[in-house]
Amino acid sequence: MTFPKIELHVHLEGTVRAGTLLQIARRNGVPLPADSVEGLAAVYEFRDFAHFLEVWLITTGALRTERDFRQVVVEYAAEAAGHGAVYLEGIFTPAEPVGRGVGWDEVFTGYCDGAQQAAELHGVQVRLTPDIPRRYPLEAAELTARRAVAYRDRGVVGLGLGGVRTGQGRRYRIGAARGRGGGPSLGPRRAGRARRRPDPPRDPGR
């Protein structure tokens, strides 16, 4: 018997299989460190967190279009559904492709459209947490938060802070708070730790 499962912390860029990465990179004319599934599989072999970030940058560097972001979500939802998943919260880092010239709305629309298709095609409810890398300027935190609020009706449920810890988490939280503006429905998420969803409000009469 397969029991329904939920996944509360998955980096969507890190779910991209070697075959999919090759397909996307060729479509966008992006060179990779290997030109075969077997070669990329060897690159994918985990060594440490620094190596994880290196592979993550290789993957994100190939993602250039709304179609790419949508494909990442839908393909992972199909894989997760095969393991019995019915709900997942996916993390993505919009500031990285934006820094390479991709539009904010193209990134968010791609991931949000992917979440919608994941439900329609695979029966998996996907909610999204845009991530703010610590190594990025404070402005990126504010802009990420603003877009997160704008897309909260399309499945965005929180904000993340990720990357190598630098001891500057507080300044990013301040930046995110500024960018959130009127977005109290968005909750914080921290990379590396699954966060329990908040309890419903209690009846004060009880």
N, C-alpha and C. Protein backbone atom coordinates (compact mmCIF):
# COMPACT_ATOMS: atom_id res chain seq x y z
N MET A 1 0.85 -1.19 0.00
CA MET A 1 0.00 0.00 0.00
C MET A 1 0.89 1.25 0.00
N THR A 2 0.54 2.23 -0.84
CA THR A 2 1.27 3.49 -0.90
C THR A 2 0.48 4.56 -0.17
N PHE A 3 1.09 5.15 0.85
CA PHE A 3 0.41 6.17 1.63
C PHE A 3 0.66 7.54 1.01
N PRO A 4 -0.31 8.44 1.10
CA PRO A 4 -0.10 9.81 0.60
C PRO A 4 1.06 10.47 1.33
N LYS A 5 1.87 11.21 0.59
CA LYS A 5 3.05 11.85 1.17
C LYS A 5 3.03 13.34 0.87
N ILE A 6 3.70 14.10 1.74
CA ILE A 6 3.92 15.51 1.49
C ILE A 6 5.42 15.78 1.56
N GLU A 7 5.87 16.76 0.82
CA GLU A 7 7.28 17.15 0.82
C GLU A 7 7.32 18.65 1.06
N LEU A 8 7.96 19.06 2.15
CA LEU A 8 7.92 20.45 2.57
C LEU A 8 9.19 21.23 2.23
N HIS A 9 10.18 20.58 1.66
CA HIS A 9 11.43 21.30 1.37
C HIS A 9 12.14 20.63 0.21
N VAL A 10 11.98 21.19 -0.98
CA VAL A 10 12.70 20.66 -2.14
C VAL A 10 13.11 21.83 -3.03
N HIS A 11 14.39 21.88 -3.36
CA HIS A 11 14.90 22.90 -4.28
C HIS A 11 14.61 22.44 -5.70
N LEU A 12 13.71 23.14 -6.37
CA LEU A 12 13.25 22.68 -7.68
C LEU A 12 14.39 22.63 -8.70
N GLU A 13 15.30 23.59 -8.65
CA GLU A 13 16.43 23.54 -9.59
C GLU A 13 17.29 22.30 -9.36
N GLY A 14 17.27 21.80 -8.11
CA GLY A 14 18.06 20.62 -7.79
C GLY A 14 17.38 19.31 -8.18
N THR A 15 16.14 19.39 -8.67
CA THR A 15 15.43 18.17 -9.07
C THR A 15 15.62 17.82 -10.54
N VAL A 16 16.27 18.70 -11.28
CA VAL A 16 16.38 18.53 -12.73
C VAL A 16 17.28 17.33 -13.05
N ARG A 17 16.72 16.35 -13.75
CA ARG A 17 17.47 15.16 -14.14
C ARG A 17 18.45 15.49 -15.27
N ALA A 18 19.46 14.65 -15.41
CA ALA A 18 20.50 14.90 -16.41
C ALA A 18 19.92 15.01 -17.82
N GLY A 19 18.99 14.13 -18.15
CA GLY A 19 18.40 14.17 -19.49
C GLY A 19 17.64 15.45 -19.75
N THR A 20 16.92 15.91 -18.74
CA THR A 20 16.17 17.16 -18.88
C THR A 20 17.12 18.34 -19.00
N LEU A 21 18.19 18.35 -18.22
CA LEU A 21 19.16 19.44 -18.30
C LEU A 21 19.80 19.50 -19.68
N LEU A 22 20.13 18.35 -20.23
CA LEU A 22 20.69 18.33 -21.59
C LEU A 22 19.70 18.92 -22.59
N GLN A 23 18.45 18.52 -22.47
CA GLN A 23 17.42 19.00 -23.39
C GLN A 23 17.26 20.52 -23.30
N ILE A 24 17.17 21.03 -22.08
CA ILE A 24 16.98 22.47 -21.89
C ILE A 24 18.21 23.24 -22.35
N ALA A 25 19.39 22.75 -22.00
CA ALA A 25 20.63 23.45 -22.38
C ALA A 25 20.78 23.51 -23.89
N ARG A 26 20.47 22.43 -24.58
CA ARG A 26 20.56 22.43 -26.05
C ARG A 26 19.53 23.37 -26.65
N ARG A 27 18.35 23.41 -26.06
CA ARG A 27 17.30 24.30 -26.55
C ARG A 27 17.72 25.76 -26.43
N ASN A 28 18.48 26.08 -25.37
CA ASN A 28 18.89 27.46 -25.12
C ASN A 28 20.31 27.77 -25.56
N GLY A 29 21.00 26.78 -26.13
CA GLY A 29 22.36 27.00 -26.58
C GLY A 29 23.35 27.24 -25.46
N VAL A 30 23.15 26.55 -24.33
CA VAL A 30 24.01 26.73 -23.16
C VAL A 30 24.98 25.56 -23.05
N PRO A 31 26.29 25.80 -23.00
CA PRO A 31 27.25 24.69 -22.86
C PRO A 31 27.21 24.09 -21.46
N LEU A 32 27.47 22.78 -21.39
CA LEU A 32 27.50 22.06 -20.11
C LEU A 32 28.86 21.38 -19.97
N PRO A 33 29.23 20.97 -18.75
CA PRO A 33 30.52 20.29 -18.55
C PRO A 33 30.55 18.88 -19.13
N ALA A 34 29.42 18.36 -19.59
CA ALA A 34 29.36 17.05 -20.23
C ALA A 34 28.24 17.09 -21.27
N ASP A 35 28.37 16.24 -22.29
CA ASP A 35 27.38 16.27 -23.38
C ASP A 35 26.60 14.97 -23.49
N SER A 36 26.55 14.21 -22.40
CA SER A 36 25.77 12.98 -22.38
C SER A 36 25.13 12.82 -21.01
N VAL A 37 24.08 12.00 -20.96
CA VAL A 37 23.42 11.75 -19.69
C VAL A 37 24.39 11.11 -18.71
N GLU A 38 25.19 10.17 -19.20
CA GLU A 38 26.16 9.49 -18.33
C GLU A 38 27.21 10.46 -17.80
N GLY A 39 27.66 11.35 -18.66
CA GLY A 39 28.66 12.33 -18.23
C GLY A 39 28.11 13.28 -17.18
N LEU A 40 26.88 13.75 -17.38
CA LEU A 40 26.27 14.64 -16.40
C LEU A 40 25.97 13.92 -15.10
N ALA A 41 25.59 12.65 -15.19
CA ALA A 41 25.33 11.87 -13.98
C ALA A 41 26.57 11.81 -13.10
N ALA A 42 27.74 11.73 -13.72
CA ALA A 42 29.00 11.72 -12.97
C ALA A 42 29.23 13.08 -12.30
N VAL A 43 28.89 14.16 -13.02
CA VAL A 43 29.01 15.50 -12.44
C VAL A 43 28.07 15.67 -11.26
N TYR A 44 26.89 15.03 -11.35
CA TYR A 44 25.86 15.15 -10.31
C TYR A 44 26.24 14.47 -9.00
N GLU A 45 27.19 13.56 -9.01
CA GLU A 45 27.51 12.79 -7.80
C GLU A 45 27.90 13.72 -6.66
N PHE A 46 27.13 13.63 -5.58
CA PHE A 46 27.29 14.56 -4.46
C PHE A 46 28.60 14.33 -3.71
N ARG A 47 29.32 15.43 -3.41
CA ARG A 47 30.54 15.35 -2.62
C ARG A 47 30.40 16.13 -1.31
N ASP A 48 29.95 17.37 -1.42
CA ASP A 48 29.76 18.21 -0.25
C ASP A 48 28.85 19.37 -0.64
N PHE A 49 28.58 20.27 0.33
CA PHE A 49 27.65 21.36 0.05
C PHE A 49 28.20 22.30 -1.01
N ALA A 50 29.51 22.55 -0.99
CA ALA A 50 30.11 23.42 -2.00
C ALA A 50 29.91 22.83 -3.40
N HIS A 51 30.03 21.52 -3.50
CA HIS A 51 29.83 20.86 -4.79
C HIS A 51 28.36 20.93 -5.19
N PHE A 52 27.46 20.79 -4.21
CA PHE A 52 26.03 20.93 -4.49
C PHE A 52 25.75 22.30 -5.12
N LEU A 53 26.33 23.37 -4.54
CA LEU A 53 26.13 24.71 -5.08
C LEU A 53 26.71 24.84 -6.48
N GLU A 54 27.83 24.19 -6.72
CA GLU A 54 28.45 24.22 -8.05
C GLU A 54 27.51 23.60 -9.10
N VAL A 55 26.96 22.44 -8.77
CA VAL A 55 26.03 21.77 -9.69
C VAL A 55 24.75 22.58 -9.84
N TRP A 56 24.31 23.17 -8.74
CA TRP A 56 23.10 24.00 -8.78
C TRP A 56 23.29 25.16 -9.75
N LEU A 57 24.47 25.78 -9.73
CA LEU A 57 24.74 26.91 -10.63
C LEU A 57 24.80 26.45 -12.09
N ILE A 58 25.33 25.26 -12.33
CA ILE A 58 25.33 24.71 -13.68
C ILE A 58 23.90 24.55 -14.19
N THR A 59 23.05 24.03 -13.31
CA THR A 59 21.66 23.79 -13.70
C THR A 59 20.92 25.10 -13.91
N THR A 60 21.00 26.00 -12.94
CA THR A 60 20.26 27.26 -13.07
C THR A 60 20.75 28.08 -14.26
N GLY A 61 22.03 27.93 -14.60
CA GLY A 61 22.55 28.67 -15.74
C GLY A 61 21.91 28.28 -17.06
N ALA A 62 21.33 27.09 -17.11
CA ALA A 62 20.69 26.63 -18.35
C ALA A 62 19.23 27.03 -18.42
N LEU A 63 18.64 27.40 -17.29
CA LEU A 63 17.22 27.76 -17.26
C LEU A 63 17.06 29.22 -17.67
N ARG A 64 16.41 29.43 -18.81
CA ARG A 64 16.37 30.78 -19.37
C ARG A 64 14.96 31.30 -19.67
N THR A 65 13.98 30.42 -19.81
CA THR A 65 12.68 30.85 -20.30
C THR A 65 11.54 30.35 -19.40
N GLU A 66 10.40 30.97 -19.59
CA GLU A 66 9.19 30.55 -18.87
C GLU A 66 8.93 29.06 -19.08
N ARG A 67 9.15 28.60 -20.29
CA ARG A 67 8.95 27.18 -20.61
C ARG A 67 9.86 26.30 -19.76
N ASP A 68 11.10 26.72 -19.57
CA ASP A 68 12.05 25.94 -18.78
C ASP A 68 11.58 25.79 -17.34
N PHE A 69 11.18 26.91 -16.73
CA PHE A 69 10.76 26.88 -15.33
C PHE A 69 9.50 26.02 -15.15
N ARG A 70 8.60 26.16 -16.10
CA ARG A 70 7.37 25.35 -16.05
C ARG A 70 7.70 23.87 -16.15
N GLN A 71 8.60 23.52 -17.06
CA GLN A 71 8.98 22.12 -17.26
C GLN A 71 9.59 21.52 -15.99
N VAL A 72 10.41 22.30 -15.30
CA VAL A 72 11.05 21.81 -14.08
C VAL A 72 9.99 21.39 -13.05
N VAL A 73 8.98 22.22 -12.86
CA VAL A 73 7.94 21.92 -11.87
C VAL A 73 7.12 20.70 -12.27
N VAL A 74 6.68 20.68 -13.53
CA VAL A 74 5.80 19.60 -13.98
C VAL A 74 6.51 18.26 -13.95
N GLU A 75 7.77 18.21 -14.37
CA GLU A 75 8.49 16.94 -14.39
C GLU A 75 8.76 16.44 -12.97
N TYR A 76 9.06 17.35 -12.05
CA TYR A 76 9.29 16.86 -10.70
C TYR A 76 7.98 16.40 -10.06
N ALA A 77 6.89 17.09 -10.35
CA ALA A 77 5.60 16.67 -9.82
C ALA A 77 5.25 15.27 -10.30
N ALA A 78 5.57 14.97 -11.56
CA ALA A 78 5.31 13.62 -12.08
C ALA A 78 6.13 12.59 -11.31
N GLU A 79 7.40 12.91 -11.05
CA GLU A 79 8.26 11.99 -10.29
C GLU A 79 7.75 11.82 -8.86
N ALA A 80 7.38 12.93 -8.23
CA ALA A 80 6.90 12.87 -6.85
C ALA A 80 5.59 12.09 -6.75
N ALA A 81 4.73 12.26 -7.74
CA ALA A 81 3.46 11.53 -7.74
C ALA A 81 3.70 10.03 -7.80
N GLY A 82 4.76 9.63 -8.49
CA GLY A 82 5.11 8.22 -8.56
C GLY A 82 5.49 7.63 -7.22
N HIS A 83 5.88 8.50 -6.28
CA HIS A 83 6.22 8.05 -4.92
C HIS A 83 5.06 8.27 -3.95
N GLY A 84 3.92 8.69 -4.48
CA GLY A 84 2.75 8.87 -3.63
C GLY A 84 2.56 10.27 -3.09
N ALA A 85 3.32 11.24 -3.59
CA ALA A 85 3.19 12.61 -3.10
C ALA A 85 1.89 13.24 -3.59
N VAL A 86 1.24 13.96 -2.70
CA VAL A 86 0.02 14.69 -3.06
C VAL A 86 0.19 16.18 -2.84
N TYR A 87 1.25 16.57 -2.11
CA TYR A 87 1.49 17.99 -1.81
C TYR A 87 2.99 18.19 -1.66
N LEU A 88 3.50 19.29 -2.23
CA LEU A 88 4.90 19.63 -2.02
C LEU A 88 5.08 21.14 -2.04
N GLU A 89 6.09 21.57 -1.30
CA GLU A 89 6.48 22.98 -1.30
C GLU A 89 7.85 23.08 -1.96
N GLY A 90 7.87 23.72 -3.12
CA GLY A 90 9.09 23.83 -3.91
C GLY A 90 9.76 25.18 -3.74
N ILE A 91 11.08 25.13 -3.60
CA ILE A 91 11.89 26.34 -3.46
C ILE A 91 12.52 26.66 -4.81
N PHE A 92 12.52 27.93 -5.17
CA PHE A 92 13.24 28.36 -6.37
C PHE A 92 13.87 29.72 -6.10
N THR A 93 14.90 30.05 -6.87
CA THR A 93 15.68 31.27 -6.61
C THR A 93 15.57 32.21 -7.80
N PRO A 94 14.58 33.09 -7.81
CA PRO A 94 14.36 33.95 -8.98
C PRO A 94 15.47 34.95 -9.25
N ALA A 95 16.18 35.40 -8.20
CA ALA A 95 17.20 36.43 -8.41
C ALA A 95 18.34 35.93 -9.28
N GLU A 96 18.56 34.61 -9.31
CA GLU A 96 19.68 34.07 -10.10
C GLU A 96 19.42 34.25 -11.61
N PRO A 97 18.31 33.76 -12.17
CA PRO A 97 18.08 34.01 -13.60
C PRO A 97 17.85 35.48 -13.91
N VAL A 98 17.24 36.23 -12.97
CA VAL A 98 17.05 37.66 -13.21
C VAL A 98 18.40 38.34 -13.38
N GLY A 99 19.39 37.91 -12.61
CA GLY A 99 20.73 38.47 -12.73
C GLY A 99 21.37 38.19 -14.07
N ARG A 100 20.84 37.21 -14.81
CA ARG A 100 21.35 36.90 -16.15
C ARG A 100 20.46 37.49 -17.24
N GLY A 101 19.49 38.33 -16.85
CA GLY A 101 18.69 39.03 -17.84
C GLY A 101 17.28 38.52 -18.04
N VAL A 102 16.89 37.47 -17.31
CA VAL A 102 15.52 36.95 -17.41
C VAL A 102 14.61 37.86 -16.58
N GLY A 103 13.39 38.10 -17.05
CA GLY A 103 12.47 38.98 -16.34
C GLY A 103 11.88 38.32 -15.10
N TRP A 104 11.63 39.13 -14.08
CA TRP A 104 11.02 38.60 -12.85
C TRP A 104 9.72 37.88 -13.13
N ASP A 105 8.87 38.50 -13.94
CA ASP A 105 7.56 37.90 -14.20
C ASP A 105 7.67 36.63 -15.03
N GLU A 106 8.67 36.55 -15.90
CA GLU A 106 8.87 35.34 -16.67
C GLU A 106 9.22 34.17 -15.74
N VAL A 107 10.06 34.43 -14.76
CA VAL A 107 10.43 33.39 -13.80
C VAL A 107 9.22 32.96 -12.97
N PHE A 108 8.55 33.93 -12.36
CA PHE A 108 7.42 33.60 -11.48
C PHE A 108 6.27 32.96 -12.27
N THR A 109 5.99 33.48 -13.45
CA THR A 109 4.90 32.91 -14.25
C THR A 109 5.21 31.47 -14.63
N GLY A 110 6.46 31.20 -15.01
CA GLY A 110 6.83 29.84 -15.37
C GLY A 110 6.63 28.87 -14.23
N TYR A 111 7.11 29.21 -13.05
CA TYR A 111 6.96 28.31 -11.90
C TYR A 111 5.50 28.18 -11.48
N CYS A 112 4.76 29.29 -11.49
CA CYS A 112 3.35 29.23 -11.09
C CYS A 112 2.51 28.46 -12.10
N ASP A 113 2.78 28.65 -13.39
CA ASP A 113 2.08 27.86 -14.41
C ASP A 113 2.41 26.37 -14.24
N GLY A 114 3.66 26.09 -13.90
CA GLY A 114 4.05 24.70 -13.66
C GLY A 114 3.30 24.09 -12.50
N ALA A 115 3.10 24.89 -11.44
CA ALA A 115 2.35 24.40 -10.29
C ALA A 115 0.91 24.07 -10.68
N GLN A 116 0.32 24.92 -11.51
CA GLN A 116 -1.06 24.67 -11.95
C GLN A 116 -1.14 23.40 -12.80
N GLN A 117 -0.19 23.25 -13.71
CA GLN A 117 -0.18 22.06 -14.56
C GLN A 117 0.11 20.80 -13.75
N ALA A 118 0.92 20.92 -12.71
CA ALA A 118 1.21 19.76 -11.86
C ALA A 118 -0.06 19.21 -11.24
N ALA A 119 -0.95 20.10 -10.82
CA ALA A 119 -2.22 19.67 -10.24
C ALA A 119 -3.11 19.04 -11.31
N GLU A 120 -3.14 19.66 -12.49
CA GLU A 120 -4.02 19.19 -13.55
C GLU A 120 -3.57 17.85 -14.13
N LEU A 121 -2.26 17.70 -14.30
CA LEU A 121 -1.73 16.50 -14.96
C LEU A 121 -1.43 15.35 -14.01
N HIS A 122 -0.98 15.68 -12.80
CA HIS A 122 -0.48 14.64 -11.90
C HIS A 122 -1.18 14.60 -10.54
N GLY A 123 -2.10 15.50 -10.30
CA GLY A 123 -2.83 15.49 -9.04
C GLY A 123 -1.99 15.88 -7.84
N VAL A 124 -0.89 16.60 -8.08
CA VAL A 124 -0.01 17.03 -6.99
C VAL A 124 -0.21 18.53 -6.77
N GLN A 125 -0.52 18.90 -5.55
CA GLN A 125 -0.66 20.31 -5.21
C GLN A 125 0.72 20.87 -4.90
N VAL A 126 1.15 21.85 -5.67
CA VAL A 126 2.48 22.45 -5.50
C VAL A 126 2.32 23.87 -4.99
N ARG A 127 3.00 24.17 -3.91
CA ARG A 127 3.09 25.53 -3.40
C ARG A 127 4.55 25.95 -3.48
N LEU A 128 4.78 27.25 -3.60
CA LEU A 128 6.10 27.75 -3.96
C LEU A 128 6.67 28.72 -2.93
N THR A 129 8.00 28.61 -2.73
CA THR A 129 8.73 29.49 -1.83
C THR A 129 9.93 30.07 -2.58
N PRO A 130 9.83 31.30 -3.07
CA PRO A 130 11.02 31.92 -3.67
C PRO A 130 12.10 32.13 -2.61
N ASP A 131 13.33 31.92 -3.01
CA ASP A 131 14.46 31.90 -2.09
C ASP A 131 15.35 33.12 -2.33
N ILE A 132 15.88 33.68 -1.25
CA ILE A 132 16.80 34.81 -1.33
C ILE A 132 18.19 34.33 -0.95
N PRO A 133 19.15 34.28 -1.87
CA PRO A 133 20.51 33.85 -1.52
C PRO A 133 21.22 34.91 -0.68
N ARG A 134 21.93 34.47 0.34
CA ARG A 134 22.63 35.41 1.22
C ARG A 134 23.71 36.20 0.49
N ARG A 135 24.24 35.66 -0.58
CA ARG A 135 25.35 36.36 -1.25
C ARG A 135 24.86 37.46 -2.19
N TYR A 136 23.53 37.62 -2.33
CA TYR A 136 22.98 38.62 -3.23
C TYR A 136 22.77 39.94 -2.46
N PRO A 137 22.71 41.08 -3.18
CA PRO A 137 22.51 42.36 -2.50
C PRO A 137 21.12 42.45 -1.86
N LEU A 138 20.99 43.34 -0.89
CA LEU A 138 19.74 43.50 -0.16
C LEU A 138 18.59 43.83 -1.10
N GLU A 139 18.87 44.55 -2.17
CA GLU A 139 17.82 44.91 -3.13
C GLU A 139 17.14 43.67 -3.69
N ALA A 140 17.91 42.59 -3.88
CA ALA A 140 17.34 41.35 -4.40
C ALA A 140 16.31 40.77 -3.44
N ALA A 141 16.55 40.92 -2.14
CA ALA A 141 15.59 40.45 -1.14
C ALA A 141 14.29 41.22 -1.26
N GLU A 142 14.40 42.54 -1.40
CA GLU A 142 13.19 43.36 -1.50
C GLU A 142 12.41 43.03 -2.77
N LEU A 143 13.11 42.90 -3.89
CA LEU A 143 12.43 42.63 -5.15
C LEU A 143 11.81 41.23 -5.16
N THR A 144 12.51 40.27 -4.57
CA THR A 144 11.95 38.92 -4.48
C THR A 144 10.68 38.93 -3.65
N ALA A 145 10.71 39.64 -2.53
CA ALA A 145 9.54 39.70 -1.66
C ALA A 145 8.37 40.38 -2.35
N ARG A 146 8.64 41.44 -3.10
CA ARG A 146 7.55 42.13 -3.80
C ARG A 146 6.88 41.21 -4.81
N ARG A 147 7.68 40.46 -5.56
CA ARG A 147 7.10 39.54 -6.54
C ARG A 147 6.36 38.40 -5.83
N ALA A 148 6.90 37.96 -4.70
CA ALA A 148 6.23 36.90 -3.96
C ALA A 148 4.82 37.33 -3.55
N VAL A 149 4.70 38.57 -3.07
CA VAL A 149 3.38 39.10 -2.69
C VAL A 149 2.48 39.18 -3.91
N ALA A 150 3.03 39.64 -5.03
CA ALA A 150 2.23 39.78 -6.24
C ALA A 150 1.68 38.45 -6.73
N TYR A 151 2.40 37.36 -6.46
CA TYR A 151 2.00 36.04 -6.96
C TYR A 151 1.45 35.14 -5.85
N ARG A 152 1.07 35.71 -4.74
CA ARG A 152 0.60 34.88 -3.62
C ARG A 152 -0.71 34.18 -3.95
N ASP A 153 -1.49 34.74 -4.89
CA ASP A 153 -2.73 34.08 -5.29
C ASP A 153 -2.50 32.99 -6.34
N ARG A 154 -1.24 32.79 -6.71
CA ARG A 154 -0.91 31.77 -7.70
C ARG A 154 -0.06 30.65 -7.11
N GLY A 155 -0.06 30.57 -5.79
CA GLY A 155 0.61 29.43 -5.16
C GLY A 155 1.86 29.75 -4.37
N VAL A 156 2.27 31.03 -4.31
CA VAL A 156 3.44 31.39 -3.50
C VAL A 156 3.01 31.51 -2.05
N VAL A 157 3.67 30.77 -1.15
CA VAL A 157 3.25 30.71 0.25
C VAL A 157 4.29 31.20 1.25
N GLY A 158 5.49 31.55 0.79
CA GLY A 158 6.50 31.96 1.75
C GLY A 158 7.72 32.54 1.08
N LEU A 159 8.68 32.90 1.89
CA LEU A 159 9.98 33.40 1.43
C LEU A 159 11.07 32.58 2.10
N GLY A 160 12.13 32.28 1.36
CA GLY A 160 13.24 31.52 1.91
C GLY A 160 14.51 32.33 1.95
N LEU A 161 15.42 31.93 2.80
CA LEU A 161 16.75 32.53 2.88
C LEU A 161 17.74 31.38 2.81
N GLY A 162 18.54 31.34 1.76
CA GLY A 162 19.39 30.18 1.55
C GLY A 162 20.83 30.54 1.24
N GLY A 163 21.61 29.50 0.94
CA GLY A 163 23.02 29.68 0.65
C GLY A 163 23.89 29.49 1.87
N VAL A 164 25.16 29.73 1.71
CA VAL A 164 26.11 29.59 2.80
C VAL A 164 25.84 30.64 3.86
N ARG A 165 25.77 30.24 5.12
CA ARG A 165 25.47 31.18 6.20
C ARG A 165 26.60 32.21 6.34
N THR A 166 26.19 33.49 6.42
CA THR A 166 27.18 34.57 6.49
C THR A 166 27.05 35.40 7.75
N GLY A 167 26.05 35.12 8.58
CA GLY A 167 25.83 35.92 9.78
C GLY A 167 25.10 37.22 9.49
N GLN A 168 24.59 37.38 8.24
CA GLN A 168 23.89 38.60 7.87
C GLN A 168 22.41 38.33 7.62
N GLY A 169 21.89 37.26 8.21
CA GLY A 169 20.49 36.91 7.97
C GLY A 169 19.53 38.01 8.35
N ARG A 170 19.84 38.76 9.41
CA ARG A 170 18.91 39.79 9.89
C ARG A 170 18.69 40.86 8.84
N ARG A 171 19.75 41.30 8.16
CA ARG A 171 19.57 42.37 7.17
C ARG A 171 18.72 41.90 6.00
N TYR A 172 18.81 40.61 5.65
CA TYR A 172 17.97 40.10 4.58
C TYR A 172 16.52 40.01 5.03
N ARG A 173 16.32 39.64 6.29
CA ARG A 173 14.94 39.60 6.80
C ARG A 173 14.33 40.99 6.79
N ILE A 174 15.14 42.01 7.09
CA ILE A 174 14.65 43.39 7.04
C ILE A 174 14.28 43.75 5.60
N GLY A 175 15.14 43.37 4.65
CA GLY A 175 14.86 43.65 3.25
C GLY A 175 13.60 42.96 2.78
N ALA A 176 13.43 41.71 3.20
CA ALA A 176 12.23 40.97 2.81
C ALA A 176 10.99 41.62 3.41
N ALA A 177 11.10 42.08 4.65
CA ALA A 177 9.96 42.73 5.31
C ALA A 177 9.57 44.00 4.57
N ARG A 178 10.56 44.76 4.12
CA ARG A 178 10.27 45.96 3.35
C ARG A 178 9.54 45.62 2.06
N GLY A 179 10.04 44.58 1.40
CA GLY A 179 9.46 44.20 0.12
C GLY A 179 8.08 43.60 0.24
N ARG A 180 7.82 42.92 1.37
CA ARG A 180 6.52 42.30 1.56
C ARG A 180 5.40 43.31 1.59
N GLY A 181 5.65 44.47 2.18
CA GLY A 181 4.62 45.49 2.25
C GLY A 181 3.36 44.96 2.88
N GLY A 182 2.34 44.76 2.07
CA GLY A 182 1.06 44.30 2.58
C GLY A 182 0.87 42.82 2.45
N GLY A 183 1.91 42.02 2.66
CA GLY A 183 1.79 40.59 2.46
C GLY A 183 1.89 39.75 3.70
N PRO A 184 1.03 39.95 4.69
CA PRO A 184 1.16 39.19 5.93
C PRO A 184 0.87 37.72 5.77
N SER A 185 0.25 37.31 4.64
CA SER A 185 -0.08 35.89 4.48
C SER A 185 1.13 35.05 4.13
N LEU A 186 2.23 35.70 3.76
CA LEU A 186 3.44 34.97 3.40
C LEU A 186 4.24 34.67 4.65
N GLY A 187 4.61 33.40 4.83
CA GLY A 187 5.38 33.01 6.00
C GLY A 187 6.83 32.80 5.66
N PRO A 188 7.74 32.93 6.64
CA PRO A 188 9.17 32.73 6.39
C PRO A 188 9.51 31.25 6.27
N ARG A 189 10.48 30.93 5.45
CA ARG A 189 11.03 29.59 5.35
C ARG A 189 12.55 29.72 5.42
N ARG A 190 13.21 28.75 6.02
CA ARG A 190 14.67 28.73 6.05
C ARG A 190 15.17 27.52 5.30
N ALA A 191 16.14 27.74 4.42
CA ALA A 191 16.73 26.61 3.72
C ALA A 191 17.41 25.71 4.73
N GLY A 192 17.23 24.39 4.55
CA GLY A 192 17.87 23.45 5.44
C GLY A 192 16.99 22.99 6.58
N ARG A 193 15.79 23.54 6.70
CA ARG A 193 14.92 23.16 7.80
C ARG A 193 13.48 23.23 7.33
N ALA A 194 12.77 22.12 7.41
CA ALA A 194 11.36 22.12 7.05
C ALA A 194 10.59 22.84 8.13
N ARG A 195 9.67 23.68 7.72
CA ARG A 195 8.89 24.44 8.68
C ARG A 195 7.47 23.91 8.73
N ARG A 196 6.99 23.66 9.95
CA ARG A 196 5.62 23.19 10.10
C ARG A 196 4.66 24.30 9.70
N ARG A 197 3.61 23.95 8.98
CA ARG A 197 2.61 24.93 8.59
C ARG A 197 1.92 25.44 9.85
N PRO A 198 1.57 26.75 9.90
CA PRO A 198 0.98 27.32 11.11
C PRO A 198 -0.36 26.70 11.42
N ASP A 199 -0.66 26.61 12.74
CA ASP A 199 -1.95 26.11 13.17
C ASP A 199 -3.05 27.11 12.83
N PRO A 200 -4.27 26.65 12.61
CA PRO A 200 -5.37 27.59 12.36
C PRO A 200 -5.65 28.41 13.60
N PRO A 201 -6.23 29.62 13.43
CA PRO A 201 -6.52 30.46 14.60
C PRO A 201 -7.44 29.72 15.57
N ARG A 202 -7.20 29.94 16.85
CA ARG A 202 -8.01 29.30 17.86
C ARG A 202 -9.24 30.16 18.19
N ASP A 203 -10.30 29.49 18.57
CA ASP A 203 -11.52 30.17 18.99
C ASP A 203 -11.26 30.76 20.39
N PRO A 204 -11.28 32.09 20.56
CA PRO A 204 -10.95 32.68 21.86
C PRO A 204 -11.96 32.31 22.94
N GLY A 205 -13.13 31.78 22.53
CA GLY A 205 -14.13 31.42 23.50
C GLY A 205 -13.89 30.08 24.15
N ARG A 206 -12.89 29.32 23.64
CA ARG A 206 -12.60 27.98 24.20
C ARG A 206 -11.59 28.05 25.32
